[in-house]
């Protein structure tokens, strides 16, 4: 859960209301170094992000943020 919170903090300004879905793929053993990668898609108003082991292409965590739909 700490890793998810750290990712959200690294993204900076987020919509006032949003949905964040994450999947924890592999543990992060300490001490270690990981890479945070985010891809912004303004057309769909979403952000895909992940935490990866820099030595391998394996993801430790993957996630997606989507802006919540306005209530009618």
N, C-alpha and C. Protein backbone atom coordinates (compact mmCIF):
# COMPACT_ATOMS: atom_id res chain seq x y z
N UNK A 1 0.82 -1.20 0.00
CA UNK A 1 0.00 0.00 0.00
C UNK A 1 0.87 1.26 0.00
N UNK A 2 2.03 1.19 0.66
CA UNK A 2 2.92 2.35 0.66
C UNK A 2 3.35 2.67 -0.76
N UNK A 3 3.64 1.65 -1.56
CA UNK A 3 4.08 1.87 -2.94
C UNK A 3 2.99 2.55 -3.75
N UNK A 4 1.75 2.16 -3.55
CA UNK A 4 0.63 2.80 -4.26
C UNK A 4 0.55 4.28 -3.87
N UNK A 5 0.65 4.57 -2.59
CA UNK A 5 0.58 5.95 -2.13
C UNK A 5 1.74 6.77 -2.67
N UNK A 6 2.92 6.18 -2.74
CA UNK A 6 4.09 6.88 -3.28
C UNK A 6 3.89 7.20 -4.76
N UNK A 7 3.29 6.28 -5.51
CA UNK A 7 3.00 6.52 -6.93
C UNK A 7 2.02 7.67 -7.09
N UNK A 8 0.96 7.68 -6.30
CA UNK A 8 -0.03 8.75 -6.40
C UNK A 8 0.60 10.10 -6.07
N UNK A 9 1.47 10.12 -5.07
CA UNK A 9 2.16 11.35 -4.72
C UNK A 9 3.09 11.83 -5.82
N UNK A 10 3.73 10.90 -6.51
CA UNK A 10 4.66 11.26 -7.59
C UNK A 10 3.93 11.82 -8.80
N UNK A 11 2.67 11.49 -8.97
CA UNK A 11 1.91 11.98 -10.12
C UNK A 11 1.52 13.44 -9.98
N UNK A 12 1.56 13.97 -8.78
CA UNK A 12 1.26 15.39 -8.59
C UNK A 12 -0.23 15.66 -8.58
N UNK A 13 -0.65 16.68 -9.35
CA UNK A 13 -2.06 17.10 -9.38
C UNK A 13 -2.93 16.01 -9.98
N UNK A 14 -3.90 15.58 -9.22
CA UNK A 14 -4.86 14.58 -9.68
C UNK A 14 -6.25 15.21 -9.72
N UNK A 15 -7.18 14.62 -10.48
CA UNK A 15 -8.54 15.16 -10.51
C UNK A 15 -9.15 15.17 -9.10
N UNK A 16 -10.16 16.00 -8.92
CA UNK A 16 -10.82 16.08 -7.62
C UNK A 16 -11.40 14.74 -7.21
N UNK A 17 -11.97 14.01 -8.16
CA UNK A 17 -12.47 12.66 -7.88
C UNK A 17 -11.98 11.73 -8.99
N UNK A 18 -11.49 10.57 -8.57
CA UNK A 18 -10.93 9.63 -9.53
C UNK A 18 -11.00 8.22 -8.97
N UNK A 19 -10.80 7.26 -9.85
CA UNK A 19 -10.71 5.86 -9.47
C UNK A 19 -9.28 5.41 -9.73
N UNK A 20 -8.71 4.69 -8.78
CA UNK A 20 -7.35 4.18 -8.93
C UNK A 20 -7.38 2.67 -8.72
N UNK A 21 -7.03 1.93 -9.77
CA UNK A 21 -6.96 0.47 -9.69
C UNK A 21 -5.50 0.07 -9.80
N UNK A 22 -5.03 -0.76 -8.86
CA UNK A 22 -3.65 -1.25 -8.92
C UNK A 22 -3.63 -2.76 -8.75
N UNK A 23 -2.60 -3.35 -9.31
CA UNK A 23 -2.33 -4.77 -9.13
C UNK A 23 -0.90 -4.89 -8.64
N UNK A 24 -0.74 -5.54 -7.50
CA UNK A 24 0.59 -5.79 -6.96
C UNK A 24 1.07 -7.10 -7.56
N UNK A 25 2.12 -7.02 -8.41
CA UNK A 25 2.59 -8.18 -9.16
C UNK A 25 3.68 -8.95 -8.41
N UNK A 26 4.69 -8.25 -7.93
CA UNK A 26 5.84 -8.86 -7.26
C UNK A 26 6.22 -8.03 -6.04
N UNK A 27 6.78 -8.66 -5.02
CA UNK A 27 7.23 -7.88 -3.86
C UNK A 27 8.46 -7.04 -4.20
N UNK A 28 8.64 -5.98 -3.45
CA UNK A 28 9.85 -5.16 -3.56
C UNK A 28 10.67 -5.44 -2.31
N UNK A 29 11.78 -6.13 -2.48
CA UNK A 29 12.63 -6.47 -1.35
C UNK A 29 13.55 -5.29 -1.05
N UNK A 30 13.73 -5.01 0.23
CA UNK A 30 14.56 -3.89 0.66
C UNK A 30 15.93 -4.37 1.08
N UNK A 31 16.97 -3.65 0.83
CA UNK A 31 17.01 -2.43 0.02
C UNK A 31 17.02 -2.78 -1.46
N UNK A 32 16.43 -1.93 -2.27
CA UNK A 32 16.43 -2.13 -3.72
C UNK A 32 16.11 -0.80 -4.40
N UNK A 33 16.33 -0.77 -5.71
CA UNK A 33 15.98 0.38 -6.51
C UNK A 33 14.95 -0.05 -7.53
N UNK A 34 13.95 0.80 -7.75
CA UNK A 34 12.90 0.53 -8.73
C UNK A 34 12.71 1.77 -9.59
N UNK A 35 12.03 1.60 -10.72
CA UNK A 35 11.71 2.70 -11.61
C UNK A 35 10.21 2.92 -11.64
N UNK A 36 9.81 4.19 -11.60
CA UNK A 36 8.40 4.57 -11.71
C UNK A 36 8.19 5.14 -13.09
N UNK A 37 7.25 4.59 -13.84
CA UNK A 37 6.95 5.05 -15.19
C UNK A 37 5.46 5.35 -15.29
N UNK A 38 5.12 6.51 -15.84
CA UNK A 38 3.71 6.89 -16.00
C UNK A 38 3.46 7.35 -17.43
N UNK A 39 2.27 7.02 -17.94
CA UNK A 39 1.86 7.43 -19.28
C UNK A 39 0.52 8.14 -19.16
N UNK A 40 0.47 9.40 -19.58
CA UNK A 40 -0.73 10.21 -19.51
C UNK A 40 -1.47 10.15 -20.84
N UNK A 41 -2.78 9.92 -20.78
CA UNK A 41 -3.61 9.90 -21.99
C UNK A 41 -4.72 10.94 -21.80
N UNK A 42 -4.51 12.13 -22.35
CA UNK A 42 -5.48 13.22 -22.17
C UNK A 42 -6.79 12.95 -22.88
N UNK A 43 -6.74 12.19 -23.96
CA UNK A 43 -7.97 11.90 -24.71
C UNK A 43 -8.95 11.10 -23.85
N UNK A 44 -8.46 10.07 -23.19
CA UNK A 44 -9.32 9.23 -22.35
C UNK A 44 -9.33 9.68 -20.90
N UNK A 45 -8.59 10.75 -20.59
CA UNK A 45 -8.50 11.27 -19.23
C UNK A 45 -8.11 10.18 -18.24
N UNK A 46 -7.01 9.50 -18.55
CA UNK A 46 -6.52 8.46 -17.65
C UNK A 46 -5.00 8.47 -17.62
N UNK A 47 -4.47 7.84 -16.58
CA UNK A 47 -3.03 7.70 -16.41
C UNK A 47 -2.75 6.23 -16.12
N UNK A 48 -1.82 5.66 -16.86
CA UNK A 48 -1.35 4.31 -16.57
C UNK A 48 0.04 4.45 -15.97
N UNK A 49 0.33 3.68 -14.92
CA UNK A 49 1.62 3.80 -14.27
C UNK A 49 2.08 2.43 -13.78
N UNK A 50 3.36 2.37 -13.49
CA UNK A 50 3.91 1.12 -13.00
C UNK A 50 5.22 1.33 -12.27
N UNK A 51 5.57 0.36 -11.45
CA UNK A 51 6.84 0.32 -10.75
C UNK A 51 7.55 -0.93 -11.24
N UNK A 52 8.77 -0.74 -11.73
CA UNK A 52 9.50 -1.82 -12.40
C UNK A 52 10.88 -2.02 -11.80
N UNK A 53 11.37 -3.25 -11.90
CA UNK A 53 12.75 -3.58 -11.56
C UNK A 53 13.61 -3.13 -12.73
N UNK A 54 14.58 -2.22 -12.53
CA UNK A 54 15.36 -1.73 -13.66
C UNK A 54 16.25 -2.80 -14.31
N UNK A 55 16.53 -3.89 -13.62
CA UNK A 55 17.38 -4.94 -14.17
C UNK A 55 16.60 -5.91 -15.07
N UNK A 56 15.29 -5.95 -14.93
CA UNK A 56 14.45 -6.85 -15.71
C UNK A 56 13.21 -6.09 -16.17
N UNK A 57 12.47 -6.60 -17.13
CA UNK A 57 11.24 -5.92 -17.55
C UNK A 57 10.04 -6.25 -16.67
N UNK A 58 10.26 -6.86 -15.52
CA UNK A 58 9.15 -7.29 -14.67
C UNK A 58 8.59 -6.13 -13.86
N UNK A 59 7.26 -6.10 -13.78
CA UNK A 59 6.58 -5.06 -13.01
C UNK A 59 6.35 -5.53 -11.58
N UNK A 60 6.57 -4.63 -10.63
CA UNK A 60 6.23 -4.89 -9.24
C UNK A 60 4.80 -4.47 -8.96
N UNK A 61 4.37 -3.40 -9.63
CA UNK A 61 3.03 -2.85 -9.46
C UNK A 61 2.62 -2.21 -10.77
N UNK A 62 1.37 -2.40 -11.16
CA UNK A 62 0.81 -1.67 -12.31
C UNK A 62 -0.51 -1.05 -11.87
N UNK A 63 -0.83 0.09 -12.44
CA UNK A 63 -2.06 0.76 -12.04
C UNK A 63 -2.59 1.69 -13.10
N UNK A 64 -3.83 2.11 -12.88
CA UNK A 64 -4.50 3.03 -13.80
C UNK A 64 -5.39 3.96 -12.99
N UNK A 65 -5.33 5.24 -13.34
CA UNK A 65 -6.19 6.25 -12.73
C UNK A 65 -7.13 6.76 -13.81
N UNK A 66 -8.42 6.76 -13.50
CA UNK A 66 -9.41 7.32 -14.42
C UNK A 66 -10.22 8.37 -13.67
N UNK A 67 -10.55 9.43 -14.38
CA UNK A 67 -11.35 10.49 -13.77
C UNK A 67 -12.76 9.97 -13.55
N UNK A 68 -13.30 10.25 -12.36
CA UNK A 68 -14.66 9.81 -12.04
C UNK A 68 -15.67 10.57 -12.89
N UNK A 69 -16.72 9.90 -13.27
CA UNK A 69 -17.78 10.52 -14.05
C UNK A 69 -18.63 11.41 -13.14
N UNK A 70 -19.05 12.54 -13.66
CA UNK A 70 -19.89 13.45 -12.89
C UNK A 70 -21.26 12.82 -12.66
N UNK A 71 -21.77 13.01 -11.44
CA UNK A 71 -23.10 12.48 -11.12
C UNK A 71 -24.16 13.33 -11.80
N UNK A 72 -25.19 12.66 -12.27
CA UNK A 72 -26.29 13.37 -12.96
C UNK A 72 -27.40 13.69 -12.01
